[in-house]
């Protein structure tokens, strides 16, 4: 079986014939911060104007942040890693996520393009609003803070050296997803749901036991 191509350079591949679509698919890593930080700040301001207490704002923001980790895991596992059937779905899968696995160091395709992140953020706000009414405001702010942490963490994993034990653990978890087993390690900014749903990588002692058995 031929070895799958994986680039180890900061390079890319053209995905679209249209120059405009190709432009939209390439994103500078600070773009999500420029777009969403002002909106998050405004939503926190709205939370105050709605006369939420500090405890309410903090609680709903934390709930939104935790909910992001679940959304991150679910989207990565079931949307980005769906099994394509047919040439068309294989093309969709490649555009969604396959290109990242082939070109993991591509610095312009490491954060989510605004053409996707903006509609998704609006969809989640609508869902939160339906579910919890105006408490969706601080919840969405926490949720999008989690998203920004994910995007920045993802970029850092692929391009920054990690020295602290915490960040090394986060990086190693994701690198194993790329180069050891892509059916495990779906959490990027947090591995918590991998442990809950048993898609985490085995500990070193467990790996030694499996190898020797």
C-alpha atoms as a PDB file:
ATOM      1  CA  UNK A   1       0.000   0.000   0.000  1.00  0.00           C
ATOM      2  CA  UNK A   2       1.431   3.386  -1.009  1.00  0.00           C
ATOM      3  CA  UNK A   3       2.322   5.742   1.790  1.00  0.00           C
ATOM      4  CA  UNK A   4      -0.041   8.689   2.053  1.00  0.00           C
ATOM      5  CA  UNK A   5       1.500  12.034   1.134  1.00  0.00           C
ATOM      6  CA  UNK A   6       2.004  14.456   4.023  1.00  0.00           C
ATOM      7  CA  UNK A   7       3.932  17.700   3.571  1.00  0.00           C
ATOM      8  CA  UNK A   8       6.266  18.848   6.350  1.00  0.00           C
ATOM      9  CA  UNK A   9       6.676  22.346   4.913  1.00  0.00           C
ATOM     10  CA  UNK A  10       4.661  25.550   5.198  1.00  0.00           C
ATOM     11  CA  UNK A  11       3.214  25.083   1.730  1.00  0.00           C
ATOM     12  CA  UNK A  12      -0.222  24.723   0.228  1.00  0.00           C
ATOM     13  CA  UNK A  13      -2.133  23.390  -2.728  1.00  0.00           C
ATOM     14  CA  UNK A  14      -4.665  25.200  -4.876  1.00  0.00           C
ATOM     15  CA  UNK A  15      -8.176  23.932  -4.136  1.00  0.00           C
ATOM     16  CA  UNK A  16     -10.355  26.089  -6.394  1.00  0.00           C
ATOM     17  CA  UNK A  17     -10.206  27.230 -10.006  1.00  0.00           C
ATOM     18  CA  UNK A  18     -11.832  30.506  -8.943  1.00  0.00           C
ATOM     19  CA  UNK A  19      -9.299  33.036  -7.639  1.00  0.00           C
ATOM     20  CA  UNK A  20     -11.995  34.506  -5.372  1.00  0.00           C
ATOM     21  CA  UNK A  21     -12.833  31.162  -3.721  1.00  0.00           C
ATOM     22  CA  UNK A  22      -9.150  30.382  -3.407  1.00  0.00           C
ATOM     23  CA  UNK A  23      -8.647  33.740  -1.680  1.00  0.00           C
ATOM     24  CA  UNK A  24     -11.490  32.993   0.763  1.00  0.00           C
ATOM     25  CA  UNK A  25      -9.966  29.631   1.647  1.00  0.00           C
ATOM     26  CA  UNK A  26      -6.683  31.180   2.842  1.00  0.00           C
ATOM     27  CA  UNK A  27      -6.760  32.963   6.194  1.00  0.00           C
ATOM     28  CA  UNK A  28      -4.159  34.905   8.146  1.00  0.00           C
ATOM     29  CA  UNK A  29      -4.064  33.439  11.692  1.00  0.00           C
ATOM     30  CA  UNK A  30      -5.020  36.715  13.388  1.00  0.00           C
ATOM     31  CA  UNK A  31      -8.196  37.068  11.287  1.00  0.00           C
ATOM     32  CA  UNK A  32     -10.503  35.301  13.798  1.00  0.00           C
ATOM     33  CA  UNK A  33      -9.235  37.600  16.568  1.00  0.00           C
ATOM     34  CA  UNK A  34      -9.873  40.719  14.498  1.00  0.00           C
ATOM     35  CA  UNK A  35     -13.413  39.582  13.667  1.00  0.00           C
ATOM     36  CA  UNK A  36     -14.636  38.048  16.909  1.00  0.00           C
ATOM     37  CA  UNK A  37     -12.859  39.752  19.822  1.00  0.00           C
ATOM     38  CA  UNK A  38     -14.801  43.032  19.299  1.00  0.00           C
ATOM     39  CA  UNK A  39     -18.066  41.081  19.004  1.00  0.00           C
ATOM     40  CA  UNK A  40     -17.340  39.110  22.181  1.00  0.00           C
ATOM     41  CA  UNK A  41     -16.560  42.328  24.059  1.00  0.00           C
ATOM     42  CA  UNK A  42     -19.810  43.841  22.792  1.00  0.00           C
ATOM     43  CA  UNK A  43     -21.794  40.776  23.873  1.00  0.00           C
ATOM     44  CA  UNK A  44     -20.310  41.029  27.352  1.00  0.00           C
ATOM     45  CA  UNK A  45     -21.300  44.679  27.398  1.00  0.00           C
ATOM     46  CA  UNK A  46     -24.842  43.669  26.394  1.00  0.00           C
ATOM     47  CA  UNK A  47     -24.857  41.158  29.227  1.00  0.00           C
ATOM     48  CA  UNK A  48     -24.290  44.032  31.652  1.00  0.00           C
ATOM     49  CA  UNK A  49     -26.992  46.186  30.053  1.00  0.00           C
ATOM     50  CA  UNK A  50     -29.440  43.282  30.445  1.00  0.00           C
ATOM     51  CA  UNK A  51     -28.707  43.559  34.165  1.00  0.00           C
ATOM     52  CA  UNK A  52     -27.282  40.084  34.560  1.00  0.00           C
ATOM     53  CA  UNK A  53     -25.354  39.657  37.783  1.00  0.00           C
ATOM     54  CA  UNK A  54     -21.629  38.978  37.764  1.00  0.00           C
ATOM     55  CA  UNK A  55     -22.364  35.393  38.845  1.00  0.00           C
ATOM     56  CA  UNK A  56     -24.856  34.914  35.997  1.00  0.00           C
ATOM     57  CA  UNK A  57     -22.486  36.339  33.397  1.00  0.00           C
ATOM     58  CA  UNK A  58     -19.609  34.221  34.689  1.00  0.00           C
ATOM     59  CA  UNK A  59     -21.687  31.041  34.933  1.00  0.00           C
ATOM     60  CA  UNK A  60     -23.204  31.300  31.462  1.00  0.00           C
ATOM     61  CA  UNK A  61     -19.882  32.283  29.914  1.00  0.00           C
ATOM     62  CA  UNK A  62     -18.187  29.248  31.471  1.00  0.00           C
ATOM     63  CA  UNK A  63     -21.059  27.050  30.312  1.00  0.00           C
ATOM     64  CA  UNK A  64     -20.611  28.380  26.780  1.00  0.00           C
ATOM     65  CA  UNK A  65     -16.864  27.765  26.964  1.00  0.00           C
ATOM     66  CA  UNK A  66     -17.382  24.160  28.098  1.00  0.00           C
ATOM     67  CA  UNK A  67     -20.029  23.665  25.426  1.00  0.00           C
ATOM     68  CA  UNK A  68     -17.469  24.801  22.838  1.00  0.00           C
ATOM     69  CA  UNK A  69     -15.143  21.945  23.825  1.00  0.00           C
ATOM     70  CA  UNK A  70     -17.988  19.517  23.134  1.00  0.00           C
ATOM     71  CA  UNK A  71     -18.801  21.214  19.812  1.00  0.00           C
ATOM     72  CA  UNK A  72     -15.114  21.176  18.838  1.00  0.00           C
ATOM     73  CA  UNK A  73     -14.878  17.442  19.502  1.00  0.00           C
ATOM     74  CA  UNK A  74     -18.170  16.642  17.771  1.00  0.00           C
ATOM     75  CA  UNK A  75     -17.465  18.724  14.663  1.00  0.00           C
ATOM     76  CA  UNK A  76     -13.952  17.331  14.328  1.00  0.00           C
ATOM     77  CA  UNK A  77     -15.005  13.718  14.782  1.00  0.00           C
ATOM     78  CA  UNK A  78     -18.280  13.535  12.884  1.00  0.00           C
ATOM     79  CA  UNK A  79     -18.083  16.387  10.346  1.00  0.00           C
ATOM     80  CA  UNK A  80     -14.393  16.829   9.527  1.00  0.00           C
ATOM     81  CA  UNK A  81     -13.726  13.079   9.652  1.00  0.00           C
ATOM     82  CA  UNK A  82     -16.867  11.734   8.021  1.00  0.00           C
ATOM     83  CA  UNK A  83     -16.325   8.798   5.654  1.00  0.00           C
ATOM     84  CA  UNK A  84     -16.813  10.051   2.086  1.00  0.00           C
ATOM     85  CA  UNK A  85     -18.568   7.931  -0.526  1.00  0.00           C
ATOM     86  CA  UNK A  86     -18.026   8.794  -4.152  1.00  0.00           C
ATOM     87  CA  UNK A  87     -15.806  11.329  -5.884  1.00  0.00           C
ATOM     88  CA  UNK A  88     -17.969  14.339  -5.013  1.00  0.00           C
ATOM     89  CA  UNK A  89     -18.041  13.587  -1.281  1.00  0.00           C
ATOM     90  CA  UNK A  90     -14.314  12.854  -1.328  1.00  0.00           C
ATOM     91  CA  UNK A  91     -13.808  16.318  -2.807  1.00  0.00           C
ATOM     92  CA  UNK A  92     -15.974  17.860  -0.061  1.00  0.00           C
ATOM     93  CA  UNK A  93     -14.071  15.935   2.605  1.00  0.00           C
ATOM     94  CA  UNK A  94     -10.748  17.107   1.194  1.00  0.00           C
ATOM     95  CA  UNK A  95     -11.870  20.760   1.240  1.00  0.00           C
ATOM     96  CA  UNK A  96     -13.282  20.412   4.774  1.00  0.00           C
ATOM     97  CA  UNK A  97     -10.327  18.742   6.409  1.00  0.00           C
ATOM     98  CA  UNK A  98      -8.347  16.418   4.172  1.00  0.00           C
ATOM     99  CA  UNK A  99      -6.196  19.262   2.901  1.00  0.00           C
ATOM    100  CA  UNK A 100      -5.111  19.983   6.483  1.00  0.00           C
ATOM    101  CA  UNK A 101      -3.979  16.397   7.009  1.00  0.00           C
ATOM    102  CA  UNK A 102      -2.028  16.468   3.743  1.00  0.00           C
ATOM    103  CA  UNK A 103      -0.548  19.932   4.429  1.00  0.00           C
ATOM    104  CA  UNK A 104      -0.565  20.249   8.244  1.00  0.00           C
ATOM    105  CA  UNK A 105       2.002  23.070   8.260  1.00  0.00           C
ATOM    106  CA  UNK A 106       0.105  25.305   5.825  1.00  0.00           C
ATOM    107  CA  UNK A 107      -0.071  28.534   7.866  1.00  0.00           C
ATOM    108  CA  UNK A 108      -2.933  29.956   5.788  1.00  0.00           C
ATOM    109  CA  UNK A 109      -5.256  27.005   6.318  1.00  0.00           C
ATOM    110  CA  UNK A 110      -4.893  26.421  10.040  1.00  0.00           C
ATOM    111  CA  UNK A 111      -7.711  28.653  11.298  1.00  0.00           C
ATOM    112  CA  UNK A 112     -11.315  28.490  10.191  1.00  0.00           C
ATOM    113  CA  UNK A 113     -12.164  30.732   7.200  1.00  0.00           C
ATOM    114  CA  UNK A 114     -14.628  33.541   8.066  1.00  0.00           C
ATOM    115  CA  UNK A 115     -16.906  32.342   5.258  1.00  0.00           C
ATOM    116  CA  UNK A 116     -17.527  29.314   7.503  1.00  0.00           C
ATOM    117  CA  UNK A 117     -16.940  30.657  11.025  1.00  0.00           C
ATOM    118  CA  UNK A 118     -19.301  33.646  10.729  1.00  0.00           C
ATOM    119  CA  UNK A 119     -22.382  31.658   9.576  1.00  0.00           C
ATOM    120  CA  UNK A 120     -21.612  28.937  12.136  1.00  0.00           C
ATOM    121  CA  UNK A 121     -21.306  31.458  14.959  1.00  0.00           C
ATOM    122  CA  UNK A 122     -24.643  32.997  13.938  1.00  0.00           C
ATOM    123  CA  UNK A 123     -26.255  29.547  13.828  1.00  0.00           C
ATOM    124  CA  UNK A 124     -25.032  28.704  17.315  1.00  0.00           C
ATOM    125  CA  UNK A 125     -26.229  32.045  18.669  1.00  0.00           C
ATOM    126  CA  UNK A 126     -29.689  31.340  17.230  1.00  0.00           C
ATOM    127  CA  UNK A 127     -29.704  27.870  18.815  1.00  0.00           C
ATOM    128  CA  UNK A 128     -28.645  29.285  22.174  1.00  0.00           C
ATOM    129  CA  UNK A 129     -31.303  31.998  21.933  1.00  0.00           C
ATOM    130  CA  UNK A 130     -33.994  29.405  21.255  1.00  0.00           C
ATOM    131  CA  UNK A 131     -32.764  27.268  24.150  1.00  0.00           C
ATOM    132  CA  UNK A 132     -32.006  29.835  26.893  1.00  0.00           C
ATOM    133  CA  UNK A 133     -33.414  33.157  25.653  1.00  0.00           C
ATOM    134  CA  UNK A 134     -31.272  36.243  26.379  1.00  0.00           C
ATOM    135  CA  UNK A 135     -28.875  34.205  28.512  1.00  0.00           C
ATOM    136  CA  UNK A 136     -27.565  33.230  25.092  1.00  0.00           C
ATOM    137  CA  UNK A 137     -25.624  36.521  25.108  1.00  0.00           C
ATOM    138  CA  UNK A 138     -23.014  35.599  27.761  1.00  0.00           C
ATOM    139  CA  UNK A 139     -23.187  31.941  26.742  1.00  0.00           C
ATOM    140  CA  UNK A 140     -22.300  32.809  23.142  1.00  0.00           C
ATOM    141  CA  UNK A 141     -19.478  35.062  24.345  1.00  0.00           C
ATOM    142  CA  UNK A 142     -17.999  32.149  26.296  1.00  0.00           C
ATOM    143  CA  UNK A 143     -18.574  29.773  23.399  1.00  0.00           C
ATOM    144  CA  UNK A 144     -16.766  32.035  20.931  1.00  0.00           C
ATOM    145  CA  UNK A 145     -13.950  32.621  23.406  1.00  0.00           C
ATOM    146  CA  UNK A 146     -13.509  28.851  23.384  1.00  0.00           C
ATOM    147  CA  UNK A 147     -13.509  28.901  19.594  1.00  0.00           C
ATOM    148  CA  UNK A 148     -10.777  31.551  19.499  1.00  0.00           C
ATOM    149  CA  UNK A 149      -8.729  29.571  22.006  1.00  0.00           C
ATOM    150  CA  UNK A 150      -9.117  26.537  19.744  1.00  0.00           C
ATOM    151  CA  UNK A 151      -8.057  28.388  16.585  1.00  0.00           C
ATOM    152  CA  UNK A 152      -5.043  30.017  18.228  1.00  0.00           C
ATOM    153  CA  UNK A 153      -4.061  26.765  19.939  1.00  0.00           C
ATOM    154  CA  UNK A 154      -4.301  24.895  16.648  1.00  0.00           C
ATOM    155  CA  UNK A 155      -2.032  27.396  14.931  1.00  0.00           C
ATOM    156  CA  UNK A 156       0.451  27.348  17.815  1.00  0.00           C
ATOM    157  CA  UNK A 157       0.578  23.539  17.863  1.00  0.00           C
ATOM    158  CA  UNK A 158       1.754  23.471  14.263  1.00  0.00           C
ATOM    159  CA  UNK A 159       4.061  26.491  14.314  1.00  0.00           C
ATOM    160  CA  UNK A 160       5.254  27.344  17.833  1.00  0.00           C
ATOM    161  CA  UNK A 161       7.651  25.413  20.082  1.00  0.00           C
ATOM    162  CA  UNK A 162       6.010  24.199  23.295  1.00  0.00           C
ATOM    163  CA  UNK A 163       8.019  24.006  26.527  1.00  0.00           C
ATOM    164  CA  UNK A 164       5.602  23.779  29.455  1.00  0.00           C
ATOM    165  CA  UNK A 165       4.206  20.318  30.346  1.00  0.00           C
ATOM    166  CA  UNK A 166       0.623  21.544  29.780  1.00  0.00           C
ATOM    167  CA  UNK A 167       1.217  22.830  26.259  1.00  0.00           C
ATOM    168  CA  UNK A 168       3.431  19.887  25.362  1.00  0.00           C
ATOM    169  CA  UNK A 169       0.603  17.533  26.342  1.00  0.00           C
ATOM    170  CA  UNK A 170      -1.862  19.491  24.177  1.00  0.00           C
ATOM    171  CA  UNK A 171       0.562  19.497  21.248  1.00  0.00           C
ATOM    172  CA  UNK A 172       1.465  15.818  21.524  1.00  0.00           C
ATOM    173  CA  UNK A 173      -2.209  14.863  21.647  1.00  0.00           C
ATOM    174  CA  UNK A 174      -2.892  16.628  18.344  1.00  0.00           C
ATOM    175  CA  UNK A 175       0.338  15.548  16.651  1.00  0.00           C
ATOM    176  CA  UNK A 176      -0.554  11.930  17.392  1.00  0.00           C
ATOM    177  CA  UNK A 177      -3.903  12.546  15.692  1.00  0.00           C
ATOM    178  CA  UNK A 178      -2.008  13.618  12.566  1.00  0.00           C
ATOM    179  CA  UNK A 179       0.825  11.132  12.493  1.00  0.00           C
ATOM    180  CA  UNK A 180      -0.194   8.149  14.634  1.00  0.00           C
ATOM    181  CA  UNK A 181      -3.944   7.527  14.407  1.00  0.00           C
ATOM    182  CA  UNK A 182      -6.472   9.972  12.934  1.00  0.00           C
ATOM    183  CA  UNK A 183      -9.347   7.954  14.429  1.00  0.00           C
ATOM    184  CA  UNK A 184      -8.316   9.169  17.887  1.00  0.00           C
ATOM    185  CA  UNK A 185      -7.483  12.527  19.467  1.00  0.00           C
ATOM    186  CA  UNK A 186     -10.315  14.671  18.096  1.00  0.00           C
ATOM    187  CA  UNK A 187      -9.989  17.298  20.809  1.00  0.00           C
ATOM    188  CA  UNK A 188      -7.545  20.026  19.817  1.00  0.00           C
ATOM    189  CA  UNK A 189      -7.720  22.693  22.515  1.00  0.00           C
ATOM    190  CA  UNK A 190      -8.773  20.130  25.131  1.00  0.00           C
ATOM    191  CA  UNK A 191      -8.595  16.306  25.167  1.00  0.00           C
ATOM    192  CA  UNK A 192     -11.358  15.979  27.791  1.00  0.00           C
ATOM    193  CA  UNK A 193     -14.024  14.580  25.443  1.00  0.00           C
ATOM    194  CA  UNK A 194     -11.539  12.079  24.007  1.00  0.00           C
ATOM    195  CA  UNK A 195     -11.237  10.615  27.504  1.00  0.00           C
ATOM    196  CA  UNK A 196     -15.005  10.679  28.029  1.00  0.00           C
ATOM    197  CA  UNK A 197     -15.788   9.008  24.678  1.00  0.00           C
ATOM    198  CA  UNK A 198     -12.718   6.745  24.795  1.00  0.00           C
ATOM    199  CA  UNK A 199     -10.970   8.133  21.717  1.00  0.00           C
ATOM    200  CA  UNK A 200      -7.866   9.216  23.638  1.00  0.00           C
ATOM    201  CA  UNK A 201      -4.485   7.691  22.912  1.00  0.00           C
ATOM    202  CA  UNK A 202      -3.404   4.955  25.307  1.00  0.00           C
ATOM    203  CA  UNK A 203      -0.955   5.856  28.033  1.00  0.00           C
ATOM    204  CA  UNK A 204       2.646   4.718  27.501  1.00  0.00           C
ATOM    205  CA  UNK A 205       2.265   1.829  29.956  1.00  0.00           C
ATOM    206  CA  UNK A 206      -0.858   0.634  28.123  1.00  0.00           C
ATOM    207  CA  UNK A 207       0.911   0.899  24.768  1.00  0.00           C
ATOM    208  CA  UNK A 208       3.786  -1.272  26.063  1.00  0.00           C
ATOM    209  CA  UNK A 209       1.284  -3.868  27.303  1.00  0.00           C
ATOM    210  CA  UNK A 210      -0.539  -3.924  23.958  1.00  0.00           C
ATOM    211  CA  UNK A 211       2.778  -4.275  22.079  1.00  0.00           C
ATOM    212  CA  UNK A 212       4.007  -7.149  24.234  1.00  0.00           C
ATOM    213  CA  UNK A 213       0.699  -9.052  24.158  1.00  0.00           C
END
